[in-house]
Amino acid sequence: MAACLDLPSRIPMASRWRRRRMCILFAEHPAPAALRSVSGSGAFLETNARPELGSRVTLRHPEAGSIAARVSAVSDGGIALAGDSKAVAFALAVITMDMSNGS
């Protein structure tokens, strides 16, 4: 006999898009981070972590790998990261993963 779970409709489930963009931010401690935008010049993450402005961190994407970056802005909604010359390749890998996995 299989168990059946009826979830109330008011509880939102993570979309496939959101699950693919969940990353781990390594600053003082590992923290979950939702990748909201990414480009060759940087990224914006929604996270509860608040590393210091200018500090070096590592962002690990589950499919695109890891990249070292510098915290370029801190706000209530998250943090912005500035990348180095490897940021373009990382951004392309993230975008490619999203495109190849469908929506």
PDB file of N, CA and C in Angstrom:
ATOM      1  N   MET A   1       0.847  -1.164   0.000  1.00  0.00           N
ATOM      2  CA  MET A   1       0.000   0.000   0.000  1.00  0.00           C
ATOM      3  C   MET A   1       0.894   1.229   0.000  1.00  0.00           C
ATOM      4  N   ALA A   2       0.627   2.153  -0.881  1.00  0.00           N
ATOM      5  CA  ALA A   2       1.420   3.375  -0.997  1.00  0.00           C
ATOM      6  C   ALA A   2       0.805   4.478  -0.147  1.00  0.00           C
ATOM      7  N   ALA A   3       1.655   5.279   0.453  1.00  0.00           N
ATOM      8  CA  ALA A   3       1.185   6.427   1.236  1.00  0.00           C
ATOM      9  C   ALA A   3       0.881   7.578   0.293  1.00  0.00           C
ATOM     10  N   CYS A   4      -0.094   8.346   0.634  1.00  0.00           N
ATOM     11  CA  CYS A   4      -0.483   9.486  -0.178  1.00  0.00           C
ATOM     12  C   CYS A   4      -0.404  10.738   0.684  1.00  0.00           C
ATOM     13  N   LEU A   5       0.214  11.770   0.174  1.00  0.00           N
ATOM     14  CA  LEU A   5       0.355  13.014   0.908  1.00  0.00           C
ATOM     15  C   LEU A   5      -0.352  14.106   0.131  1.00  0.00           C
ATOM     16  N   ASP A   6      -1.276  14.766   0.768  1.00  0.00           N
ATOM     17  CA  ASP A   6      -2.010  15.851   0.131  1.00  0.00           C
ATOM     18  C   ASP A   6      -1.483  17.169   0.683  1.00  0.00           C
ATOM     19  N   LEU A   7      -0.708  17.897  -0.141  1.00  0.00           N
ATOM     20  CA  LEU A   7      -0.158  19.169   0.293  1.00  0.00           C
ATOM     21  C   LEU A   7      -1.155  20.288   0.022  1.00  0.00           C
ATOM     22  N   PRO A   8      -1.325  21.194   0.969  1.00  0.00           N
ATOM     23  CA  PRO A   8      -2.200  22.337   0.720  1.00  0.00           C
ATOM     24  C   PRO A   8      -1.691  23.148  -0.465  1.00  0.00           C
ATOM     25  N   SER A   9      -2.581  23.719  -1.245  1.00  0.00           N
ATOM     26  CA  SER A   9      -2.186  24.450  -2.447  1.00  0.00           C
ATOM     27  C   SER A   9      -1.463  25.748  -2.121  1.00  0.00           C
ATOM     28  N   ARG A  10      -1.543  26.225  -0.891  1.00  0.00           N
ATOM     29  CA  ARG A  10      -0.886  27.491  -0.560  1.00  0.00           C
ATOM     30  C   ARG A  10       0.615  27.331  -0.318  1.00  0.00           C
ATOM     31  N   ILE A  11       1.117  26.096  -0.282  1.00  0.00           N
ATOM     32  CA  ILE A  11       2.553  25.872  -0.097  1.00  0.00           C
ATOM     33  C   ILE A  11       3.196  25.800  -1.480  1.00  0.00           C
ATOM     34  N   PRO A  12       3.998  26.811  -1.839  1.00  0.00           N
ATOM     35  CA  PRO A  12       4.617  26.785  -3.169  1.00  0.00           C
ATOM     36  C   PRO A  12       5.740  25.749  -3.237  1.00  0.00           C
ATOM     37  N   MET A  13       5.807  25.053  -4.329  1.00  0.00           N
ATOM     38  CA  MET A  13       6.876  24.092  -4.554  1.00  0.00           C
ATOM     39  C   MET A  13       7.930  24.751  -5.428  1.00  0.00           C
ATOM     40  N   ALA A  14       9.168  24.381  -5.259  1.00  0.00           N
ATOM     41  CA  ALA A  14      10.241  24.952  -6.061  1.00  0.00           C
ATOM     42  C   ALA A  14      10.082  24.501  -7.510  1.00  0.00           C
ATOM     43  N   SER A  15      10.153  25.439  -8.404  1.00  0.00           N
ATOM     44  CA  SER A  15      10.068  25.104  -9.821  1.00  0.00           C
ATOM     45  C   SER A  15      11.388  24.491 -10.269  1.00  0.00           C
ATOM     46  N   ARG A  16      11.384  23.852 -11.426  1.00  0.00           N
ATOM     47  CA  ARG A  16      12.608  23.297 -11.974  1.00  0.00           C
ATOM     48  C   ARG A  16      13.633  24.405 -12.182  1.00  0.00           C
ATOM     49  N   TRP A  17      13.165  25.590 -12.606  1.00  0.00           N
ATOM     50  CA  TRP A  17      14.048  26.740 -12.813  1.00  0.00           C
ATOM     51  C   TRP A  17      14.741  27.105 -11.511  1.00  0.00           C
ATOM     52  N   ARG A  18      13.995  27.165 -10.417  1.00  0.00           N
ATOM     53  CA  ARG A  18      14.568  27.548  -9.123  1.00  0.00           C
ATOM     54  C   ARG A  18      15.532  26.475  -8.610  1.00  0.00           C
ATOM     55  N   ARG A  19      15.186  25.209  -8.764  1.00  0.00           N
ATOM     56  CA  ARG A  19      16.069  24.144  -8.285  1.00  0.00           C
ATOM     57  C   ARG A  19      17.409  24.176  -9.003  1.00  0.00           C
ATOM     58  N   ARG A  20      17.395  24.450 -10.305  1.00  0.00           N
ATOM     59  CA  ARG A  20      18.651  24.474 -11.063  1.00  0.00           C
ATOM     60  C   ARG A  20      19.529  25.644 -10.653  1.00  0.00           C
ATOM     61  N   ARG A  21      18.957  26.691 -10.127  1.00  0.00           N
ATOM     62  CA  ARG A  21      19.719  27.876  -9.788  1.00  0.00           C
ATOM     63  C   ARG A  21      20.126  27.922  -8.317  1.00  0.00           C
ATOM     64  N   MET A  22      19.839  26.875  -7.574  1.00  0.00           N
ATOM     65  CA  MET A  22      20.283  26.826  -6.183  1.00  0.00           C
ATOM     66  C   MET A  22      21.759  26.456  -6.158  1.00  0.00           C
ATOM     67  N   CYS A  23      22.517  27.242  -5.427  1.00  0.00           N
ATOM     68  CA  CYS A  23      23.965  27.064  -5.349  1.00  0.00           C
ATOM     69  C   CYS A  23      24.385  27.034  -3.889  1.00  0.00           C
ATOM     70  N   ILE A  24      25.667  26.841  -3.681  1.00  0.00           N
ATOM     71  CA  ILE A  24      26.240  26.953  -2.345  1.00  0.00           C
ATOM     72  C   ILE A  24      27.280  28.056  -2.389  1.00  0.00           C
ATOM     73  N   LEU A  25      27.157  28.993  -1.466  1.00  0.00           N
ATOM     74  CA  LEU A  25      28.108  30.080  -1.335  1.00  0.00           C
ATOM     75  C   LEU A  25      29.055  29.737  -0.196  1.00  0.00           C
ATOM     76  N   PHE A  26      30.343  29.729  -0.491  1.00  0.00           N
ATOM     77  CA  PHE A  26      31.347  29.464   0.530  1.00  0.00           C
ATOM     78  C   PHE A  26      32.007  30.787   0.896  1.00  0.00           C
ATOM     79  N   ALA A  27      31.669  31.278   2.078  1.00  0.00           N
ATOM     80  CA  ALA A  27      32.268  32.500   2.617  1.00  0.00           C
ATOM     81  C   ALA A  27      32.892  32.078   3.943  1.00  0.00           C
ATOM     82  N   GLU A  28      32.418  32.631   5.046  1.00  0.00           N
ATOM     83  CA  GLU A  28      32.885  32.158   6.351  1.00  0.00           C
ATOM     84  C   GLU A  28      32.395  30.734   6.597  1.00  0.00           C
ATOM     85  N   HIS A  29      31.163  30.466   6.195  1.00  0.00           N
ATOM     86  CA  HIS A  29      30.540  29.147   6.310  1.00  0.00           C
ATOM     87  C   HIS A  29      29.771  28.887   5.027  1.00  0.00           C
ATOM     88  N   PRO A  30      29.581  27.624   4.635  1.00  0.00           N
ATOM     89  CA  PRO A  30      28.747  27.330   3.472  1.00  0.00           C
ATOM     90  C   PRO A  30      27.310  27.786   3.726  1.00  0.00           C
ATOM     91  N   ALA A  31      26.677  28.365   2.707  1.00  0.00           N
ATOM     92  CA  ALA A  31      25.304  28.842   2.832  1.00  0.00           C
ATOM     93  C   ALA A  31      24.579  28.621   1.505  1.00  0.00           C
ATOM     94  N   PRO A  32      23.292  28.278   1.559  1.00  0.00           N
ATOM     95  CA  PRO A  32      22.532  28.163   0.315  1.00  0.00           C
ATOM     96  C   PRO A  32      22.378  29.537  -0.319  1.00  0.00           C
ATOM     97  N   ALA A  33      22.341  29.549  -1.644  1.00  0.00           N
ATOM     98  CA  ALA A  33      22.190  30.802  -2.384  1.00  0.00           C
ATOM     99  C   ALA A  33      21.405  30.517  -3.652  1.00  0.00           C
ATOM    100  N   ALA A  34      20.468  31.392  -3.966  1.00  0.00           N
ATOM    101  CA  ALA A  34      19.692  31.270  -5.198  1.00  0.00           C
ATOM    102  C   ALA A  34      20.280  32.237  -6.218  1.00  0.00           C
ATOM    103  N   LEU A  35      20.749  31.713  -7.319  1.00  0.00           N
ATOM    104  CA  LEU A  35      21.341  32.512  -8.378  1.00  0.00           C
ATOM    105  C   LEU A  35      20.231  33.215  -9.140  1.00  0.00           C
ATOM    106  N   ARG A  36      20.155  34.533  -9.029  1.00  0.00           N
ATOM    107  CA  ARG A  36      19.079  35.284  -9.678  1.00  0.00           C
ATOM    108  C   ARG A  36      19.482  35.884 -11.004  1.00  0.00           C
ATOM    109  N   SER A  37      20.749  36.230 -11.142  1.00  0.00           N
ATOM    110  CA  SER A  37      21.234  36.699 -12.439  1.00  0.00           C
ATOM    111  C   SER A  37      22.711  36.351 -12.542  1.00  0.00           C
ATOM    112  N   VAL A  38      23.152  36.148 -13.767  1.00  0.00           N
ATOM    113  CA  VAL A  38      24.553  35.822 -13.993  1.00  0.00           C
ATOM    114  C   VAL A  38      24.971  36.400 -15.338  1.00  0.00           C
ATOM    115  N   SER A  39      26.174  36.931 -15.389  1.00  0.00           N
ATOM    116  CA  SER A  39      26.716  37.445 -16.640  1.00  0.00           C
ATOM    117  C   SER A  39      28.236  37.284 -16.583  1.00  0.00           C
ATOM    118  N   GLY A  40      28.896  37.686 -17.630  1.00  0.00           N
ATOM    119  CA  GLY A  40      30.341  37.603 -17.666  1.00  0.00           C
ATOM    120  C   GLY A  40      31.023  38.544 -16.694  1.00  0.00           C
ATOM    121  N   SER A  41      30.291  39.515 -16.175  1.00  0.00           N
ATOM    122  CA  SER A  41      30.901  40.464 -15.240  1.00  0.00           C
ATOM    123  C   SER A  41      30.561  40.173 -13.785  1.00  0.00           C
ATOM    124  N   GLY A  42      29.579  39.319 -13.538  1.00  0.00           N
ATOM    125  CA  GLY A  42      29.234  39.010 -12.155  1.00  0.00           C
ATOM    126  C   GLY A  42      27.901  38.313 -12.017  1.00  0.00           C
ATOM    127  N   ALA A  43      27.400  38.294 -10.777  1.00  0.00           N
ATOM    128  CA  ALA A  43      26.149  37.599 -10.483  1.00  0.00           C
ATOM    129  C   ALA A  43      25.482  38.241  -9.275  1.00  0.00           C
ATOM    130  N   PHE A  44      24.166  38.027  -9.163  1.00  0.00           N
ATOM    131  CA  PHE A  44      23.442  38.442  -7.967  1.00  0.00           C
ATOM    132  C   PHE A  44      22.845  37.194  -7.336  1.00  0.00           C
ATOM    133  N   LEU A  45      23.029  37.052  -6.017  1.00  0.00           N
ATOM    134  CA  LEU A  45      22.547  35.893  -5.276  1.00  0.00           C
ATOM    135  C   LEU A  45      21.586  36.316  -4.190  1.00  0.00           C
ATOM    136  N   GLU A  46      20.480  35.615  -4.071  1.00  0.00           N
ATOM    137  CA  GLU A  46      19.619  35.752  -2.897  1.00  0.00           C
ATOM    138  C   GLU A  46      20.157  34.778  -1.868  1.00  0.00           C
ATOM    139  N   THR A  47      20.569  35.280  -0.711  1.00  0.00           N
ATOM    140  CA  THR A  47      21.137  34.444   0.337  1.00  0.00           C
ATOM    141  C   THR A  47      21.040  35.159   1.670  1.00  0.00           C
ATOM    142  N   ASN A  48      21.019  34.398   2.731  1.00  0.00           N
ATOM    143  CA  ASN A  48      21.040  34.991   4.064  1.00  0.00           C
ATOM    144  C   ASN A  48      22.465  35.302   4.508  1.00  0.00           C
ATOM    145  N   ALA A  49      23.446  34.776   3.811  1.00  0.00           N
ATOM    146  CA  ALA A  49      24.848  35.054   4.135  1.00  0.00           C
ATOM    147  C   ALA A  49      25.141  36.518   3.808  1.00  0.00           C
ATOM    148  N   ARG A  50      25.923  37.142   4.634  1.00  0.00           N
ATOM    149  CA  ARG A  50      26.310  38.532   4.409  1.00  0.00           C
ATOM    150  C   ARG A  50      27.822  38.696   4.594  1.00  0.00           C
ATOM    151  N   PRO A  51      28.605  38.150   3.640  1.00  0.00           N
ATOM    152  CA  PRO A  51      30.048  38.351   3.739  1.00  0.00           C
ATOM    153  C   PRO A  51      30.378  39.834   3.573  1.00  0.00           C
ATOM    154  N   GLU A  52      31.519  40.224   4.068  1.00  0.00           N
ATOM    155  CA  GLU A  52      31.916  41.626   4.001  1.00  0.00           C
ATOM    156  C   GLU A  52      32.170  42.067   2.561  1.00  0.00           C
ATOM    157  N   LEU A  53      31.859  43.315   2.297  1.00  0.00           N
ATOM    158  CA  LEU A  53      32.118  43.916   0.999  1.00  0.00           C
ATOM    159  C   LEU A  53      33.606  43.778   0.674  1.00  0.00           C
ATOM    160  N   GLY A  54      33.922  43.304  -0.499  1.00  0.00           N
ATOM    161  CA  GLY A  54      35.308  43.129  -0.923  1.00  0.00           C
ATOM    162  C   GLY A  54      35.911  41.782  -0.584  1.00  0.00           C
ATOM    163  N   SER A  55      35.220  40.975   0.219  1.00  0.00           N
ATOM    164  CA  SER A  55      35.783  39.677   0.602  1.00  0.00           C
ATOM    165  C   SER A  55      35.717  38.695  -0.564  1.00  0.00           C
ATOM    166  N   ARG A  56      36.599  37.717  -0.539  1.00  0.00           N
ATOM    167  CA  ARG A  56      36.653  36.674  -1.564  1.00  0.00           C
ATOM    168  C   ARG A  56      35.779  35.503  -1.131  1.00  0.00           C
ATOM    169  N   VAL A  57      34.966  34.998  -2.041  1.00  0.00           N
ATOM    170  CA  VAL A  57      34.074  33.877  -1.779  1.00  0.00           C
ATOM    171  C   VAL A  57      34.170  32.901  -2.951  1.00  0.00           C
ATOM    172  N   THR A  58      33.570  31.734  -2.764  1.00  0.00           N
ATOM    173  CA  THR A  58      33.454  30.758  -3.843  1.00  0.00           C
ATOM    174  C   THR A  58      31.989  30.419  -4.014  1.00  0.00           C
ATOM    175  N   LEU A  59      31.535  30.383  -5.252  1.00  0.00           N
ATOM    176  CA  LEU A  59      30.164  30.011  -5.576  1.00  0.00           C
ATOM    177  C   LEU A  59      30.203  28.676  -6.298  1.00  0.00           C
ATOM    178  N   ARG A  60      29.439  27.704  -5.791  1.00  0.00           N
ATOM    179  CA  ARG A  60      29.394  26.379  -6.420  1.00  0.00           C
ATOM    180  C   ARG A  60      27.996  26.136  -6.978  1.00  0.00           C
ATOM    181  N   HIS A  61      27.934  25.990  -8.290  1.00  0.00           N
ATOM    182  CA  HIS A  61      26.690  25.668  -9.002  1.00  0.00           C
ATOM    183  C   HIS A  61      26.653  24.151  -9.148  1.00  0.00           C
ATOM    184  N   PRO A  62      25.493  23.500  -8.954  1.00  0.00           N
ATOM    185  CA  PRO A  62      25.452  22.033  -8.975  1.00  0.00           C
ATOM    186  C   PRO A  62      25.858  21.400 -10.300  1.00  0.00           C
ATOM    187  N   GLU A  63      25.738  22.130 -11.408  1.00  0.00           N
ATOM    188  CA  GLU A  63      26.074  21.548 -12.700  1.00  0.00           C
ATOM    189  C   GLU A  63      27.206  22.279 -13.413  1.00  0.00           C
ATOM    190  N   ALA A  64      27.375  23.570 -13.150  1.00  0.00           N
ATOM    191  CA  ALA A  64      28.360  24.359 -13.885  1.00  0.00           C
ATOM    192  C   ALA A  64      29.712  24.433 -13.184  1.00  0.00           C
ATOM    193  N   GLY A  65      29.797  23.942 -11.951  1.00  0.00           N
ATOM    194  CA  GLY A  65      31.070  23.960 -11.248  1.00  0.00           C
ATOM    195  C   GLY A  65      31.193  25.114 -10.266  1.00  0.00           C
ATOM    196  N   SER A  66      32.424  25.504  -9.972  1.00  0.00           N
ATOM    197  CA  SER A  66      32.700  26.533  -8.965  1.00  0.00           C
ATOM    198  C   SER A  66      33.485  27.684  -9.560  1.00  0.00           C
ATOM    199  N   ILE A  67      33.343  28.839  -8.919  1.00  0.00           N
ATOM    200  CA  ILE A  67      34.114  30.002  -9.321  1.00  0.00           C
ATOM    201  C   ILE A  67      34.413  30.862  -8.102  1.00  0.00           C
ATOM    202  N   ALA A  68      35.612  31.417  -8.065  1.00  0.00           N
ATOM    203  CA  ALA A  68      35.975  32.370  -7.022  1.00  0.00           C
ATOM    204  C   ALA A  68      35.524  33.751  -7.475  1.00  0.00           C
ATOM    205  N   ALA A  69      35.068  34.552  -6.523  1.00  0.00           N
ATOM    206  CA  ALA A  69      34.573  35.887  -6.848  1.00  0.00           C
ATOM    207  C   ALA A  69      34.795  36.815  -5.664  1.00  0.00           C
ATOM    208  N   ARG A  70      34.563  38.100  -5.906  1.00  0.00           N
ATOM    209  CA  ARG A  70      34.682  39.122  -4.873  1.00  0.00           C
ATOM    210  C   ARG A  70      33.299  39.714  -4.628  1.00  0.00           C
ATOM    211  N   VAL A  71      32.945  39.927  -3.362  1.00  0.00           N
ATOM    212  CA  VAL A  71      31.645  40.534  -3.030  1.00  0.00           C
ATOM    213  C   VAL A  71      31.712  42.004  -3.417  1.00  0.00           C
ATOM    214  N   SER A  72      30.859  42.407  -4.374  1.00  0.00           N
ATOM    215  CA  SER A  72      30.885  43.785  -4.870  1.00  0.00           C
ATOM    216  C   SER A  72      29.755  44.641  -4.317  1.00  0.00           C
ATOM    217  N   ALA A  73      28.733  44.015  -3.737  1.00  0.00           N
ATOM    218  CA  ALA A  73      27.629  44.763  -3.125  1.00  0.00           C
ATOM    219  C   ALA A  73      26.888  43.852  -2.152  1.00  0.00           C
ATOM    220  N   VAL A  74      26.364  44.452  -1.095  1.00  0.00           N
ATOM    221  CA  VAL A  74      25.577  43.728  -0.096  1.00  0.00           C
ATOM    222  C   VAL A  74      24.286  44.517   0.107  1.00  0.00           C
ATOM    223  N   SER A  75      23.145  43.826   0.030  1.00  0.00           N
ATOM    224  CA  SER A  75      21.857  44.489   0.235  1.00  0.00           C
ATOM    225  C   SER A  75      20.966  43.590   1.080  1.00  0.00           C
ATOM    226  N   ASP A  76      19.789  44.077   1.426  1.00  0.00           N
ATOM    227  CA  ASP A  76      18.842  43.270   2.189  1.00  0.00           C
ATOM    228  C   ASP A  76      18.422  42.026   1.412  1.00  0.00           C
ATOM    229  N   GLY A  77      18.381  42.124   0.087  1.00  0.00           N
ATOM    230  CA  GLY A  77      17.921  41.012  -0.737  1.00  0.00           C
ATOM    231  C   GLY A  77      18.976  39.996  -1.082  1.00  0.00           C
ATOM    232  N   GLY A  78      20.245  40.312  -0.846  1.00  0.00           N
ATOM    233  CA  GLY A  78      21.289  39.371  -1.193  1.00  0.00           C
ATOM    234  C   GLY A  78      22.612  40.062  -1.414  1.00  0.00           C
ATOM    235  N   ILE A  79      23.454  39.442  -2.239  1.00  0.00           N
ATOM    236  CA  ILE A  79      24.775  39.996  -2.504  1.00  0.00           C
ATOM    237  C   ILE A  79      25.084  39.941  -4.000  1.00  0.00           C
ATOM    238  N   ALA A  80      25.927  40.856  -4.433  1.00  0.00           N
ATOM    239  CA  ALA A  80      26.406  40.853  -5.811  1.00  0.00           C
ATOM    240  C   ALA A  80      27.858  40.403  -5.796  1.00  0.00           C
ATOM    241  N   LEU A  81      28.220  39.637  -6.806  1.00  0.00           N
ATOM    242  CA  LEU A  81      29.582  39.146  -6.937  1.00  0.00           C
ATOM    243  C   LEU A  81      30.192  39.667  -8.224  1.00  0.00           C
ATOM    244  N   ALA A  82      31.457  40.003  -8.164  1.00  0.00           N
ATOM    245  CA  ALA A  82      32.215  40.377  -9.353  1.00  0.00           C
ATOM    246  C   ALA A  82      33.209  39.261  -9.620  1.00  0.00           C
ATOM    247  N   GLY A  83      33.259  38.821 -10.851  1.00  0.00           N
ATOM    248  CA  GLY A  83      34.139  37.720 -11.198  1.00  0.00           C
ATOM    249  C   GLY A  83      35.424  38.193 -11.841  1.00  0.00           C
ATOM    250  N   ASP A  84      36.272  37.233 -12.169  1.00  0.00           N
ATOM    251  CA  ASP A  84      37.517  37.531 -12.865  1.00  0.00           C
ATOM    252  C   ASP A  84      37.380  37.054 -14.309  1.00  0.00           C
ATOM    253  N   SER A  85      38.480  36.774 -14.951  1.00  0.00           N
ATOM    254  CA  SER A  85      38.437  36.368 -16.358  1.00  0.00           C
ATOM    255  C   SER A  85      37.717  35.034 -16.567  1.00  0.00           C
ATOM    256  N   LYS A  86      37.598  34.211 -15.528  1.00  0.00           N
ATOM    257  CA  LYS A  86      36.902  32.928 -15.643  1.00  0.00           C
ATOM    258  C   LYS A  86      35.386  33.092 -15.533  1.00  0.00           C
ATOM    259  N   ALA A  87      34.912  34.300 -15.172  1.00  0.00           N
ATOM    260  CA  ALA A  87      33.478  34.525 -14.963  1.00  0.00           C
ATOM    261  C   ALA A  87      32.675  34.329 -16.243  1.00  0.00           C
ATOM    262  N   VAL A  88      33.232  34.689 -17.372  1.00  0.00           N
ATOM    263  CA  VAL A  88      32.516  34.522 -18.639  1.00  0.00           C
ATOM    264  C   VAL A  88      32.256  33.042 -18.899  1.00  0.00           C
ATOM    265  N   ALA A  89      33.254  32.211 -18.718  1.00  0.00           N
ATOM    266  CA  ALA A  89      33.087  30.769 -18.934  1.00  0.00           C
ATOM    267  C   ALA A  89      32.080  30.182 -17.955  1.00  0.00           C
ATOM    268  N   PHE A  90      32.128  30.630 -16.691  1.00  0.00           N
ATOM    269  CA  PHE A  90      31.174  30.153 -15.690  1.00  0.00           C
ATOM    270  C   PHE A  90      29.750  30.558 -16.074  1.00  0.00           C
ATOM    271  N   ALA A  91      29.554  31.823 -16.462  1.00  0.00           N
ATOM    272  CA  ALA A  91      28.232  32.306 -16.857  1.00  0.00           C
ATOM    273  C   ALA A  91      27.701  31.518 -18.043  1.00  0.00           C
ATOM    274  N   LEU A  92      28.545  31.272 -19.024  1.00  0.00           N
ATOM    275  CA  LEU A  92      28.113  30.484 -20.189  1.00  0.00           C
ATOM    276  C   LEU A  92      27.749  29.058 -19.788  1.00  0.00           C
ATOM    277  N   ALA A  93      28.489  28.464 -18.853  1.00  0.00           N
ATOM    278  CA  ALA A  93      28.172  27.110 -18.402  1.00  0.00           C
ATOM    279  C   ALA A  93      26.823  27.076 -17.691  1.00  0.00           C
ATOM    280  N   VAL A  94      26.538  28.068 -16.844  1.00  0.00           N
ATOM    281  CA  VAL A  94      25.251  28.124 -16.153  1.00  0.00           C
ATOM    282  C   VAL A  94      24.115  28.275 -17.155  1.00  0.00           C
ATOM    283  N   ILE A  95      24.266  29.195 -18.091  1.00  0.00           N
ATOM    284  CA  ILE A  95      23.213  29.429 -19.102  1.00  0.00           C
ATOM    285  C   ILE A  95      23.015  28.185 -19.952  1.00  0.00           C
ATOM    286  N   THR A  96      24.103  27.523 -20.340  1.00  0.00           N
ATOM    287  CA  THR A  96      24.007  26.303 -21.136  1.00  0.00           C
ATOM    288  C   THR A  96      23.288  25.194 -20.371  1.00  0.00           C
ATOM    289  N   MET A  97      23.581  25.055 -19.088  1.00  0.00           N
ATOM    290  CA  MET A  97      22.896  24.043 -18.269  1.00  0.00           C
ATOM    291  C   MET A  97      21.388  24.315 -18.244  1.00  0.00           C
ATOM    292  N   ASP A  98      21.018  25.584 -18.086  1.00  0.00           N
ATOM    293  CA  ASP A  98      19.593  25.934 -18.069  1.00  0.00           C
ATOM    294  C   ASP A  98      18.929  25.613 -19.399  1.00  0.00           C
ATOM    295  N   MET A  99      19.615  25.910 -20.489  1.00  0.00           N
ATOM    296  CA  MET A  99      19.028  25.685 -21.808  1.00  0.00           C
ATOM    297  C   MET A  99      18.920  24.196 -22.116  1.00  0.00           C
ATOM    298  N   SER A 100      19.896  23.416 -21.703  1.00  0.00           N
ATOM    299  CA  SER A 100      19.895  21.993 -22.032  1.00  0.00           C
ATOM    300  C   SER A 100      18.940  21.184 -21.155  1.00  0.00           C
ATOM    301  N   ASN A 101      18.559  21.728 -19.981  1.00  0.00           N
ATOM    302  CA  ASN A 101      17.653  21.020 -19.095  1.00  0.00           C
ATOM    303  C   ASN A 101      16.186  21.322 -19.358  1.00  0.00           C
ATOM    304  N   GLY A 102      15.894  22.215 -20.261  1.00  0.00           N
ATOM    305  CA  GLY A 102      14.503  22.560 -20.547  1.00  0.00           C
ATOM    306  C   GLY A 102      13.936  23.451 -19.474  1.00  0.00           C
ATOM    307  N   SER A 103      12.647  23.797 -19.611  1.00  0.00           N
ATOM    308  CA  SER A 103      12.036  24.673 -18.600  1.00  0.00           C
ATOM    309  C   SER A 103      10.916  24.002 -17.870  1.00  0.00           C
TER     310      SER A 103
END
